[in-house]
PDB file of N, CA and C in Angstrom:
ATOM      1  N   MET A   1      -5.681   3.807  18.381  1.00  0.00           N
ATOM      2  CA  MET A   1      -5.975   5.149  17.930  1.00  0.00           C
ATOM      3  C   MET A   1      -6.532   5.115  16.517  1.00  0.00           C
ATOM      4  N   PHE A   2      -5.705   4.707  15.550  1.00  0.00           N
ATOM      5  CA  PHE A   2      -6.149   4.596  14.181  1.00  0.00           C
ATOM      6  C   PHE A   2      -6.469   3.137  13.909  1.00  0.00           C
ATOM      7  N   GLU A   3      -7.710   2.841  13.732  1.00  0.00           N
ATOM      8  CA  GLU A   3      -8.086   1.468  13.468  1.00  0.00           C
ATOM      9  C   GLU A   3      -8.600   1.362  12.046  1.00  0.00           C
ATOM     10  N   ALA A   4      -8.356   0.218  11.444  1.00  0.00           N
ATOM     11  CA  ALA A   4      -8.775   0.014  10.063  1.00  0.00           C
ATOM     12  C   ALA A   4     -10.230  -0.436  10.048  1.00  0.00           C
ATOM     13  N   LYS A   5     -11.060   0.302   9.348  1.00  0.00           N
ATOM     14  CA  LYS A   5     -12.451  -0.079   9.172  1.00  0.00           C
ATOM     15  C   LYS A   5     -12.571  -0.733   7.808  1.00  0.00           C
ATOM     16  N   GLY A   6     -13.804  -0.943   7.357  1.00  0.00           N
ATOM     17  CA  GLY A   6     -14.003  -1.437   6.014  1.00  0.00           C
ATOM     18  C   GLY A   6     -13.502  -0.419   5.007  1.00  0.00           C
ATOM     19  N   MET A   7     -13.296  -0.895   3.776  1.00  0.00           N
ATOM     20  CA  MET A   7     -12.728  -0.017   2.762  1.00  0.00           C
ATOM     21  C   MET A   7     -13.624   1.186   2.500  1.00  0.00           C
ATOM     22  N   TRP A   8     -14.908   0.978   2.365  1.00  0.00           N
ATOM     23  CA  TRP A   8     -15.816   2.091   2.049  1.00  0.00           C
ATOM     24  C   TRP A   8     -16.016   3.014   3.240  1.00  0.00           C
ATOM     25  N   GLU A   9     -16.054   2.453   4.447  1.00  0.00           N
ATOM     26  CA  GLU A   9     -16.162   3.302   5.629  1.00  0.00           C
ATOM     27  C   GLU A   9     -14.919   4.164   5.784  1.00  0.00           C
ATOM     28  N   GLY A  10     -13.766   3.581   5.474  1.00  0.00           N
ATOM     29  CA  GLY A  10     -12.523   4.335   5.553  1.00  0.00           C
ATOM     30  C   GLY A  10     -12.455   5.451   4.525  1.00  0.00           C
ATOM     31  N   LEU A  11     -13.004   5.194   3.335  1.00  0.00           N
ATOM     32  CA  LEU A  11     -13.003   6.229   2.292  1.00  0.00           C
ATOM     33  C   LEU A  11     -13.948   7.377   2.632  1.00  0.00           C
ATOM     34  N   MET A  12     -14.996   7.089   3.360  1.00  0.00           N
ATOM     35  CA  MET A  12     -15.986   8.120   3.695  1.00  0.00           C
ATOM     36  C   MET A  12     -15.714   8.785   5.048  1.00  0.00           C
ATOM     37  N   ASP A  13     -14.606   8.474   5.667  1.00  0.00           N
ATOM     38  CA  ASP A  13     -14.235   9.071   6.944  1.00  0.00           C
ATOM     39  C   ASP A  13     -13.540  10.409   6.685  1.00  0.00           C
ATOM     40  N   PHE A  14     -14.292  11.495   6.711  1.00  0.00           N
ATOM     41  CA  PHE A  14     -13.739  12.808   6.409  1.00  0.00           C
ATOM     42  C   PHE A  14     -12.936  13.399   7.572  1.00  0.00           C
ATOM     43  N   SER A  15     -12.967  12.763   8.719  1.00  0.00           N
ATOM     44  CA  SER A  15     -12.155  13.236   9.836  1.00  0.00           C
ATOM     45  C   SER A  15     -10.768  12.589   9.823  1.00  0.00           C
ATOM     46  N   PHE A  16     -10.551  11.616   8.930  1.00  0.00           N
ATOM     47  CA  PHE A  16      -9.280  10.906   8.797  1.00  0.00           C
ATOM     48  C   PHE A  16      -8.827  10.300  10.118  1.00  0.00           C
ATOM     49  N   ARG A  17      -9.740   9.676  10.819  1.00  0.00           N
ATOM     50  CA  ARG A  17      -9.409   9.022  12.083  1.00  0.00           C
ATOM     51  C   ARG A  17      -9.147   7.532  11.905  1.00  0.00           C
ATOM     52  N   SER A  18      -9.352   7.025  10.721  1.00  0.00           N
ATOM     53  CA  SER A  18      -9.056   5.617  10.455  1.00  0.00           C
ATOM     54  C   SER A  18      -8.335   5.494   9.118  1.00  0.00           C
ATOM     55  N   TYR A  19      -7.528   4.453   9.000  1.00  0.00           N
ATOM     56  CA  TYR A  19      -6.789   4.209   7.775  1.00  0.00           C
ATOM     57  C   TYR A  19      -7.659   3.431   6.793  1.00  0.00           C
ATOM     58  N   ALA A  20      -7.709   3.888   5.567  1.00  0.00           N
ATOM     59  CA  ALA A  20      -8.425   3.164   4.529  1.00  0.00           C
ATOM     60  C   ALA A  20      -7.468   2.286   3.732  1.00  0.00           C
ATOM     61  N   THR A  21      -6.217   2.659   3.686  1.00  0.00           N
ATOM     62  CA  THR A  21      -5.249   1.973   2.835  1.00  0.00           C
ATOM     63  C   THR A  21      -5.042   0.502   3.199  1.00  0.00           C
ATOM     64  N   PRO A  22      -4.934   0.120   4.466  1.00  0.00           N
ATOM     65  CA  PRO A  22      -4.719  -1.309   4.750  1.00  0.00           C
ATOM     66  C   PRO A  22      -5.831  -2.204   4.210  1.00  0.00           C
ATOM     67  N   LYS A  23      -7.049  -1.724   4.209  1.00  0.00           N
ATOM     68  CA  LYS A  23      -8.150  -2.520   3.669  1.00  0.00           C
ATOM     69  C   LYS A  23      -8.156  -2.505   2.143  1.00  0.00           C
ATOM     70  N   MET A  24      -7.509  -1.521   1.541  1.00  0.00           N
ATOM     71  CA  MET A  24      -7.515  -1.399   0.094  1.00  0.00           C
ATOM     72  C   MET A  24      -6.340  -2.123  -0.557  1.00  0.00           C
ATOM     73  N   LEU A  25      -5.419  -2.672   0.215  1.00  0.00           N
ATOM     74  CA  LEU A  25      -4.229  -3.293  -0.358  1.00  0.00           C
ATOM     75  C   LEU A  25      -4.582  -4.462  -1.275  1.00  0.00           C
ATOM     76  N   LYS A  26      -5.516  -5.305  -0.885  1.00  0.00           N
ATOM     77  CA  LYS A  26      -5.915  -6.431  -1.733  1.00  0.00           C
ATOM     78  C   LYS A  26      -6.523  -5.923  -3.036  1.00  0.00           C
ATOM     79  N   PHE A  27      -7.356  -4.898  -2.928  1.00  0.00           N
ATOM     80  CA  PHE A  27      -7.997  -4.312  -4.102  1.00  0.00           C
ATOM     81  C   PHE A  27      -6.952  -3.682  -5.020  1.00  0.00           C
ATOM     82  N   LEU A  28      -6.013  -2.939  -4.454  1.00  0.00           N
ATOM     83  CA  LEU A  28      -4.960  -2.315  -5.249  1.00  0.00           C
ATOM     84  C   LEU A  28      -4.079  -3.358  -5.930  1.00  0.00           C
ATOM     85  N   TYR A  29      -3.784  -4.431  -5.227  1.00  0.00           N
ATOM     86  CA  TYR A  29      -2.974  -5.510  -5.804  1.00  0.00           C
ATOM     87  C   TYR A  29      -3.698  -6.133  -6.987  1.00  0.00           C
ATOM     88  N   ALA A  30      -4.978  -6.409  -6.818  1.00  0.00           N
ATOM     89  CA  ALA A  30      -5.759  -7.009  -7.901  1.00  0.00           C
ATOM     90  C   ALA A  30      -5.858  -6.072  -9.102  1.00  0.00           C
ATOM     91  N   ILE A  31      -6.069  -4.786  -8.855  1.00  0.00           N
ATOM     92  CA  ILE A  31      -6.174  -3.820  -9.952  1.00  0.00           C
ATOM     93  C   ILE A  31      -4.851  -3.726 -10.718  1.00  0.00           C
ATOM     94  N   HIS A  32      -3.736  -3.690 -10.006  1.00  0.00           N
ATOM     95  CA  HIS A  32      -2.439  -3.607 -10.670  1.00  0.00           C
ATOM     96  C   HIS A  32      -2.126  -4.873 -11.470  1.00  0.00           C
ATOM     97  N   LEU A  33      -2.451  -6.039 -10.927  1.00  0.00           N
ATOM     98  CA  LEU A  33      -2.214  -7.269 -11.671  1.00  0.00           C
ATOM     99  C   LEU A  33      -3.108  -7.351 -12.904  1.00  0.00           C
ATOM    100  N   LEU A  34      -4.351  -6.925 -12.755  1.00  0.00           N
ATOM    101  CA  LEU A  34      -5.262  -6.928 -13.904  1.00  0.00           C
ATOM    102  C   LEU A  34      -4.797  -5.940 -14.972  1.00  0.00           C
ATOM    103  N   GLY A  35      -4.366  -4.768 -14.562  1.00  0.00           N
ATOM    104  CA  GLY A  35      -3.858  -3.782 -15.513  1.00  0.00           C
ATOM    105  C   GLY A  35      -2.628  -4.286 -16.252  1.00  0.00           C
ATOM    106  N   GLY A  36      -1.721  -4.938 -15.541  1.00  0.00           N
ATOM    107  CA  GLY A  36      -0.531  -5.513 -16.172  1.00  0.00           C
ATOM    108  C   GLY A  36      -0.882  -6.624 -17.142  1.00  0.00           C
ATOM    109  N   LEU A  37      -1.869  -7.439 -16.783  1.00  0.00           N
ATOM    110  CA  LEU A  37      -2.308  -8.523 -17.655  1.00  0.00           C
ATOM    111  C   LEU A  37      -2.942  -7.973 -18.933  1.00  0.00           C
ATOM    112  N   ILE A  38      -3.785  -6.972 -18.794  1.00  0.00           N
ATOM    113  CA  ILE A  38      -4.421  -6.366 -19.967  1.00  0.00           C
ATOM    114  C   ILE A  38      -3.375  -5.731 -20.881  1.00  0.00           C
ATOM    115  N   ALA A  39      -2.422  -5.029 -20.298  1.00  0.00           N
ATOM    116  CA  ALA A  39      -1.365  -4.406 -21.102  1.00  0.00           C
ATOM    117  C   ALA A  39      -0.531  -5.467 -21.815  1.00  0.00           C
ATOM    118  N   GLY A  40      -0.202  -6.548 -21.123  1.00  0.00           N
ATOM    119  CA  GLY A  40       0.590  -7.620 -21.733  1.00  0.00           C
ATOM    120  C   GLY A  40      -0.141  -8.300 -22.873  1.00  0.00           C
ATOM    121  N   VAL A  41      -1.407  -8.600 -22.663  1.00  0.00           N
ATOM    122  CA  VAL A  41      -2.199  -9.240 -23.720  1.00  0.00           C
ATOM    123  C   VAL A  41      -2.323  -8.317 -24.933  1.00  0.00           C
ATOM    124  N   ALA A  42      -2.571  -7.049 -24.687  1.00  0.00           N
ATOM    125  CA  ALA A  42      -2.679  -6.093 -25.797  1.00  0.00           C
ATOM    126  C   ALA A  42      -1.359  -6.004 -26.560  1.00  0.00           C
ATOM    127  N   TRP A  43      -0.252  -5.999 -25.844  1.00  0.00           N
ATOM    128  CA  TRP A  43       1.052  -5.909 -26.477  1.00  0.00           C
ATOM    129  C   TRP A  43       1.324  -7.146 -27.349  1.00  0.00           C
ATOM    130  N   VAL A  44       0.968  -8.335 -26.836  1.00  0.00           N
ATOM    131  CA  VAL A  44       1.175  -9.570 -27.591  1.00  0.00           C
ATOM    132  C   VAL A  44       0.279  -9.593 -28.829  1.00  0.00           C
ATOM    133  N   VAL A  45      -0.970  -9.187 -28.695  1.00  0.00           N
ATOM    134  CA  VAL A  45      -1.885  -9.169 -29.838  1.00  0.00           C
ATOM    135  C   VAL A  45      -1.364  -8.226 -30.919  1.00  0.00           C
ATOM    136  N   LEU A  46      -0.919  -7.049 -30.525  1.00  0.00           N
ATOM    137  CA  LEU A  46      -0.369  -6.103 -31.505  1.00  0.00           C
ATOM    138  C   LEU A  46       0.894  -6.653 -32.171  1.00  0.00           C
ATOM    139  N   ALA A  47       1.716  -7.365 -31.422  1.00  0.00           N
ATOM    140  CA  ALA A  47       2.940  -7.941 -31.993  1.00  0.00           C
ATOM    141  C   ALA A  47       2.605  -9.065 -32.966  1.00  0.00           C
ATOM    142  N   PHE A  48       1.604  -9.896 -32.649  1.00  0.00           N
ATOM    143  CA  PHE A  48       1.209 -10.968 -33.567  1.00  0.00           C
ATOM    144  C   PHE A  48       0.609 -10.409 -34.852  1.00  0.00           C
ATOM    145  N   GLN A  49       0.018  -9.235 -34.784  1.00  0.00           N
ATOM    146  CA  GLN A  49      -0.503  -8.618 -36.002  1.00  0.00           C
ATOM    147  C   GLN A  49       0.627  -8.195 -36.927  1.00  0.00           C
ATOM    148  N   GLN A  50       1.788  -7.898 -36.389  1.00  0.00           N
ATOM    149  CA  GLN A  50       2.937  -7.501 -37.202  1.00  0.00           C
ATOM    150  C   GLN A  50       3.562  -8.718 -37.887  1.00  0.00           C
ATOM    151  N   ALA A  51       3.922  -9.708 -37.076  1.00  0.00           N
ATOM    152  CA  ALA A  51       4.544 -10.924 -37.607  1.00  0.00           C
ATOM    153  C   ALA A  51       4.478 -12.010 -36.535  1.00  0.00           C
ATOM    154  N   PRO A  52       4.317 -13.278 -36.941  1.00  0.00           N
ATOM    155  CA  PRO A  52       4.240 -14.366 -35.953  1.00  0.00           C
ATOM    156  C   PRO A  52       5.511 -14.493 -35.107  1.00  0.00           C
ATOM    157  N   VAL A  53       6.676 -14.309 -35.702  1.00  0.00           N
ATOM    158  CA  VAL A  53       7.914 -14.428 -34.937  1.00  0.00           C
ATOM    159  C   VAL A  53       8.005 -13.297 -33.914  1.00  0.00           C
ATOM    160  N   GLN A  54       7.632 -12.116 -34.333  1.00  0.00           N
ATOM    161  CA  GLN A  54       7.647 -10.976 -33.406  1.00  0.00           C
ATOM    162  C   GLN A  54       6.642 -11.203 -32.273  1.00  0.00           C
ATOM    163  N   GLY A  55       5.501 -11.806 -32.587  1.00  0.00           N
ATOM    164  CA  GLY A  55       4.507 -12.116 -31.562  1.00  0.00           C
ATOM    165  C   GLY A  55       5.021 -13.115 -30.548  1.00  0.00           C
ATOM    166  N   LEU A  56       5.732 -14.142 -31.018  1.00  0.00           N
ATOM    167  CA  LEU A  56       6.275 -15.148 -30.101  1.00  0.00           C
ATOM    168  C   LEU A  56       7.361 -14.545 -29.212  1.00  0.00           C
ATOM    169  N   LEU A  57       8.219 -13.729 -29.795  1.00  0.00           N
ATOM    170  CA  LEU A  57       9.244 -13.071 -28.983  1.00  0.00           C
ATOM    171  C   LEU A  57       8.616 -12.130 -27.958  1.00  0.00           C
ATOM    172  N   THR A  58       7.589 -11.442 -28.382  1.00  0.00           N
ATOM    173  CA  THR A  58       6.894 -10.537 -27.460  1.00  0.00           C
ATOM    174  C   THR A  58       6.199 -11.328 -26.357  1.00  0.00           C
ATOM    175  N   LEU A  59       5.647 -12.482 -26.702  1.00  0.00           N
ATOM    176  CA  LEU A  59       4.989 -13.325 -25.697  1.00  0.00           C
ATOM    177  C   LEU A  59       5.973 -13.748 -24.613  1.00  0.00           C
ATOM    178  N   VAL A  60       7.158 -14.152 -25.015  1.00  0.00           N
ATOM    179  CA  VAL A  60       8.184 -14.536 -24.029  1.00  0.00           C
ATOM    180  C   VAL A  60       8.578 -13.324 -23.183  1.00  0.00           C
ATOM    181  N   GLY A  61       8.769 -12.186 -23.840  1.00  0.00           N
ATOM    182  CA  GLY A  61       9.126 -10.973 -23.114  1.00  0.00           C
ATOM    183  C   GLY A  61       8.039 -10.535 -22.150  1.00  0.00           C
ATOM    184  N   VAL A  62       6.789 -10.670 -22.576  1.00  0.00           N
ATOM    185  CA  VAL A  62       5.669 -10.278 -21.715  1.00  0.00           C
ATOM    186  C   VAL A  62       5.561 -11.211 -20.511  1.00  0.00           C
ATOM    187  N   LEU A  63       5.811 -12.492 -20.697  1.00  0.00           N
ATOM    188  CA  LEU A  63       5.754 -13.423 -19.560  1.00  0.00           C
ATOM    189  C   LEU A  63       6.815 -13.076 -18.512  1.00  0.00           C
ATOM    190  N   VAL A  64       8.020 -12.783 -18.973  1.00  0.00           N
ATOM    191  CA  VAL A  64       9.082 -12.380 -18.042  1.00  0.00           C
ATOM    192  C   VAL A  64       8.724 -11.039 -17.397  1.00  0.00           C
ATOM    193  N   GLY A  65       8.269 -10.106 -18.210  1.00  0.00           N
ATOM    194  CA  GLY A  65       7.897  -8.789 -17.693  1.00  0.00           C
ATOM    195  C   GLY A  65       6.746  -8.852 -16.708  1.00  0.00           C
ATOM    196  N   TYR A  66       5.767  -9.721 -16.974  1.00  0.00           N
ATOM    197  CA  TYR A  66       4.628  -9.832 -16.067  1.00  0.00           C
ATOM    198  C   TYR A  66       5.051 -10.433 -14.733  1.00  0.00           C
ATOM    199  N   PHE A  67       5.974 -11.394 -14.782  1.00  0.00           N
ATOM    200  CA  PHE A  67       6.501 -11.938 -13.528  1.00  0.00           C
ATOM    201  C   PHE A  67       7.177 -10.838 -12.715  1.00  0.00           C
ATOM    202  N   LEU A  68       7.987 -10.022 -13.380  1.00  0.00           N
ATOM    203  CA  LEU A  68       8.647  -8.917 -12.681  1.00  0.00           C
ATOM    204  C   LEU A  68       7.638  -7.890 -12.183  1.00  0.00           C
ATOM    205  N   TRP A  69       6.564  -7.659 -12.939  1.00  0.00           N
ATOM    206  CA  TRP A  69       5.500  -6.732 -12.528  1.00  0.00           C
ATOM    207  C   TRP A  69       4.813  -7.245 -11.261  1.00  0.00           C
ATOM    208  N   ILE A  70       4.522  -8.540 -11.223  1.00  0.00           N
ATOM    209  CA  ILE A  70       3.906  -9.133 -10.031  1.00  0.00           C
ATOM    210  C   ILE A  70       4.827  -8.964  -8.832  1.00  0.00           C
ATOM    211  N   LEU A  71       6.110  -9.239  -9.033  1.00  0.00           N
ATOM    212  CA  LEU A  71       7.088  -9.099  -7.955  1.00  0.00           C
ATOM    213  C   LEU A  71       7.158  -7.658  -7.462  1.00  0.00           C
ATOM    214  N   TYR A  72       7.227  -6.716  -8.392  1.00  0.00           N
ATOM    215  CA  TYR A  72       7.300  -5.298  -8.036  1.00  0.00           C
ATOM    216  C   TYR A  72       6.054  -4.847  -7.274  1.00  0.00           C
ATOM    217  N   CYS A  73       4.884  -5.196  -7.785  1.00  0.00           N
ATOM    218  CA  CYS A  73       3.640  -4.778  -7.118  1.00  0.00           C
ATOM    219  C   CYS A  73       3.536  -5.361  -5.724  1.00  0.00           C
ATOM    220  N   ARG A  74       3.902  -6.618  -5.582  1.00  0.00           N
ATOM    221  CA  ARG A  74       3.815  -7.266  -4.276  1.00  0.00           C
ATOM    222  C   ARG A  74       4.739  -6.594  -3.259  1.00  0.00           C
ATOM    223  N   VAL A  75       5.983  -6.355  -3.666  1.00  0.00           N
ATOM    224  CA  VAL A  75       6.945  -5.737  -2.754  1.00  0.00           C
ATOM    225  C   VAL A  75       6.508  -4.318  -2.394  1.00  0.00           C
ATOM    226  N   ALA A  76       6.077  -3.556  -3.397  1.00  0.00           N
ATOM    227  CA  ALA A  76       5.665  -2.171  -3.137  1.00  0.00           C
ATOM    228  C   ALA A  76       4.477  -2.117  -2.181  1.00  0.00           C
ATOM    229  N   LEU A  77       3.490  -2.985  -2.378  1.00  0.00           N
ATOM    230  CA  LEU A  77       2.321  -2.962  -1.498  1.00  0.00           C
ATOM    231  C   LEU A  77       2.634  -3.532  -0.116  1.00  0.00           C
ATOM    232  N   GLU A  78       3.572  -4.478  -0.033  1.00  0.00           N
ATOM    233  CA  GLU A  78       3.981  -4.952   1.292  1.00  0.00           C
ATOM    234  C   GLU A  78       4.710  -3.858   2.062  1.00  0.00           C
ATOM    235  N   VAL A  79       5.531  -3.082   1.366  1.00  0.00           N
ATOM    236  CA  VAL A  79       6.210  -1.957   2.025  1.00  0.00           C
ATOM    237  C   VAL A  79       5.170  -0.951   2.510  1.00  0.00           C
ATOM    238  N   LEU A  80       4.184  -0.665   1.680  1.00  0.00           N
ATOM    239  CA  LEU A  80       3.125   0.263   2.084  1.00  0.00           C
ATOM    240  C   LEU A  80       2.370  -0.266   3.306  1.00  0.00           C
ATOM    241  N   GLY A  81       2.058  -1.557   3.298  1.00  0.00           N
ATOM    242  CA  GLY A  81       1.399  -2.151   4.462  1.00  0.00           C
ATOM    243  C   GLY A  81       2.263  -2.098   5.714  1.00  0.00           C
ATOM    244  N   ALA A  82       3.567  -2.317   5.537  1.00  0.00           N
ATOM    245  CA  ALA A  82       4.477  -2.263   6.680  1.00  0.00           C
ATOM    246  C   ALA A  82       4.564  -0.849   7.248  1.00  0.00           C
ATOM    247  N   VAL A  83       4.519   0.147   6.387  1.00  0.00           N
ATOM    248  CA  VAL A  83       4.551   1.536   6.861  1.00  0.00           C
ATOM    249  C   VAL A  83       3.334   1.814   7.739  1.00  0.00           C
ATOM    250  N   PHE A  84       2.173   1.337   7.343  1.00  0.00           N
ATOM    251  CA  PHE A  84       0.975   1.560   8.145  1.00  0.00           C
ATOM    252  C   PHE A  84       1.014   0.765   9.447  1.00  0.00           C
ATOM    253  N   ARG A  85       1.597  -0.439   9.424  1.00  0.00           N
ATOM    254  CA  ARG A  85       1.733  -1.198  10.672  1.00  0.00           C
ATOM    255  C   ARG A  85       2.700  -0.508  11.627  1.00  0.00           C
ATOM    256  N   ILE A  86       3.782   0.041  11.083  1.00  0.00           N
ATOM    257  CA  ILE A  86       4.740   0.782  11.903  1.00  0.00           C
ATOM    258  C   ILE A  86       4.072   2.012  12.504  1.00  0.00           C
ATOM    259  N   ALA A  87       3.263   2.703  11.704  1.00  0.00           N
ATOM    260  CA  ALA A  87       2.562   3.887  12.203  1.00  0.00           C
ATOM    261  C   ALA A  87       1.605   3.507  13.324  1.00  0.00           C
ATOM    262  N   ASP A  88       0.900   2.388  13.165  1.00  0.00           N
ATOM    263  CA  ASP A  88       0.004   1.927  14.232  1.00  0.00           C
ATOM    264  C   ASP A  88       0.787   1.609  15.508  1.00  0.00           C
ATOM    265  N   ALA A  89       1.889   0.877  15.355  1.00  0.00           N
ATOM    266  CA  ALA A  89       2.677   0.499  16.524  1.00  0.00           C
ATOM    267  C   ALA A  89       3.291   1.726  17.187  1.00  0.00           C
ATOM    268  N   ALA A  90       3.758   2.666  16.389  1.00  0.00           N
ATOM    269  CA  ALA A  90       4.356   3.879  16.950  1.00  0.00           C
ATOM    270  C   ALA A  90       3.318   4.718  17.670  1.00  0.00           C
ATOM    271  N   ALA A  91       2.120   4.830  17.096  1.00  0.00           N
ATOM    272  CA  ALA A  91       1.062   5.604  17.738  1.00  0.00           C
ATOM    273  C   ALA A  91       0.639   4.950  19.052  1.00  0.00           C
ATOM    274  N   ALA A  92       0.573   3.628  19.053  1.00  0.00           N
ATOM    275  CA  ALA A  92       0.165   2.925  20.276  1.00  0.00           C
ATOM    276  C   ALA A  92       1.234   3.054  21.358  1.00  0.00           C
ATOM    277  N   SER A  93       2.479   2.847  20.998  1.00  0.00           N
ATOM    278  CA  SER A  93       3.526   2.920  22.018  1.00  0.00           C
ATOM    279  C   SER A  93       3.784   4.360  22.446  1.00  0.00           C
ATOM    280  N   CYS A  94       3.675   5.295  21.546  1.00  0.00           N
ATOM    281  CA  CYS A  94       3.892   6.702  21.882  1.00  0.00           C
ATOM    282  C   CYS A  94       2.782   7.205  22.810  1.00  0.00           C
ATOM    283  N   GLY A  95       1.579   6.798  22.539  1.00  0.00           N
ATOM    284  CA  GLY A  95       0.458   7.213  23.383  1.00  0.00           C
ATOM    285  C   GLY A  95       0.552   6.630  24.775  1.00  0.00           C
ATOM    286  N   ASN A  96       0.947   5.384  24.891  1.00  0.00           N
ATOM    287  CA  ASN A  96       1.066   4.743  26.197  1.00  0.00           C
ATOM    288  C   ASN A  96       2.232   5.312  26.989  1.00  0.00           C
ATOM    289  N   SER A  97       3.387   5.514  26.349  1.00  0.00           N
ATOM    290  CA  SER A  97       4.546   5.979  27.084  1.00  0.00           C
ATOM    291  C   SER A  97       4.385   7.436  27.520  1.00  0.00           C
ATOM    292  N   GLN A  98       3.728   8.240  26.720  1.00  0.00           N
ATOM    293  CA  GLN A  98       3.531   9.638  27.104  1.00  0.00           C
ATOM    294  C   GLN A  98       2.602   9.737  28.298  1.00  0.00           C
ATOM    295  N   GLN A  99       1.605   8.892  28.330  1.00  0.00           N
ATOM    296  CA  GLN A  99       0.681   8.938  29.463  1.00  0.00           C
ATOM    297  C   GLN A  99       1.369   8.473  30.735  1.00  0.00           C
ATOM    298  N   GLN A 100       2.271   7.488  30.624  1.00  0.00           N
ATOM    299  CA  GLN A 100       2.926   6.971  31.807  1.00  0.00           C
ATOM    300  C   GLN A 100       4.052   7.887  32.276  1.00  0.00           C
ATOM    301  N   GLU A 101       4.880   8.353  31.339  1.00  0.00           N
ATOM    302  CA  GLU A 101       6.042   9.145  31.720  1.00  0.00           C
ATOM    303  C   GLU A 101       5.689  10.588  32.039  1.00  0.00           C
ATOM    304  N   TYR A 102       4.843  11.179  31.257  1.00  0.00           N
ATOM    305  CA  TYR A 102       4.569  12.607  31.384  1.00  0.00           C
ATOM    306  C   TYR A 102       3.149  12.816  31.905  1.00  0.00           C
ATOM    307  N   GLY A 103       3.007  12.774  33.169  1.00  0.00           N
ATOM    308  CA  GLY A 103       1.718  13.092  33.761  1.00  0.00           C
ATOM    309  C   GLY A 103       1.409  14.561  33.549  1.00  0.00           C
ATOM    310  N   GLY A 104       0.185  14.962  33.683  1.00  0.00           N
ATOM    311  CA  GLY A 104      -0.215  16.338  33.419  1.00  0.00           C
ATOM    312  C   GLY A 104       0.562  17.353  34.229  1.00  0.00           C
ATOM    313  N   SER A 105       0.850  17.085  35.510  1.00  0.00           N
ATOM    314  CA  SER A 105       1.556  18.061  36.341  1.00  0.00           C
ATOM    315  C   SER A 105       3.037  18.142  35.944  1.00  0.00           C
ATOM    316  N   GLN A 106       3.643  17.050  35.545  1.00  0.00           N
ATOM    317  CA  GLN A 106       5.040  17.064  35.164  1.00  0.00           C
ATOM    318  C   GLN A 106       5.258  17.889  33.897  1.00  0.00           C
ATOM    319  N   VAL A 107       4.351  17.804  32.972  1.00  0.00           N
ATOM    320  CA  VAL A 107       4.496  18.551  31.713  1.00  0.00           C
ATOM    321  C   VAL A 107       4.388  20.033  31.995  1.00  0.00           C
ATOM    322  N   THR A 108       3.440  20.450  32.808  1.00  0.00           N
ATOM    323  CA  THR A 108       3.303  21.883  33.091  1.00  0.00           C
ATOM    324  C   THR A 108       4.497  22.399  33.880  1.00  0.00           C
ATOM    325  N   GLU A 109       5.056  21.551  34.762  1.00  0.00           N
ATOM    326  CA  GLU A 109       6.237  21.985  35.495  1.00  0.00           C
ATOM    327  C   GLU A 109       7.421  22.169  34.566  1.00  0.00           C
ATOM    328  N   MET A 110       7.593  21.250  33.611  1.00  0.00           N
ATOM    329  CA  MET A 110       8.717  21.340  32.689  1.00  0.00           C
ATOM    330  C   MET A 110       8.570  22.543  31.772  1.00  0.00           C
ATOM    331  N   VAL A 111       7.381  22.803  31.313  1.00  0.00           N
ATOM    332  CA  VAL A 111       7.169  23.923  30.399  1.00  0.00           C
ATOM    333  C   VAL A 111       7.276  25.249  31.147  1.00  0.00           C
ATOM    334  N   GLY A 112       6.765  25.311  32.359  1.00  0.00           N
ATOM    335  CA  GLY A 112       6.764  26.552  33.109  1.00  0.00           C
ATOM    336  C   GLY A 112       8.082  26.890  33.786  1.00  0.00           C
ATOM    337  N   SER A 113       9.055  25.994  33.776  1.00  0.00           N
ATOM    338  CA  SER A 113      10.300  26.233  34.506  1.00  0.00           C
ATOM    339  C   SER A 113      11.434  26.708  33.624  1.00  0.00           C
ATOM    340  N   ASP A 114      11.189  27.639  32.760  1.00  0.00           N
ATOM    341  CA  ASP A 114      12.250  28.181  31.887  1.00  0.00           C
ATOM    342  C   ASP A 114      13.180  29.014  32.653  1.00  0.00           C
TER     343      ASP A 114
END
């Protein structure tokens, strides 16, 4: 039902019949890691301008913080990817089971028999 197309095709799909997010996960991961790296480098540079000891302490803190940032981004994006995989599996199984269990005549009989 919902199939993942290319990232740009998914973004331009105004009918929302395909998921764009699964194709964008790599891009989002790279953007978040790059943003964290830029912030860390800027923080270390500003700390070294204050004092060399403060810069070294900040460098150690930024390395630990960046590791935690990588871990957080990875887990968050994997959860997001898993949600979309679950949605795909649910849509596929729900569509198949409804067609098999509830034929057109059975549904009208159930609705009309109040």
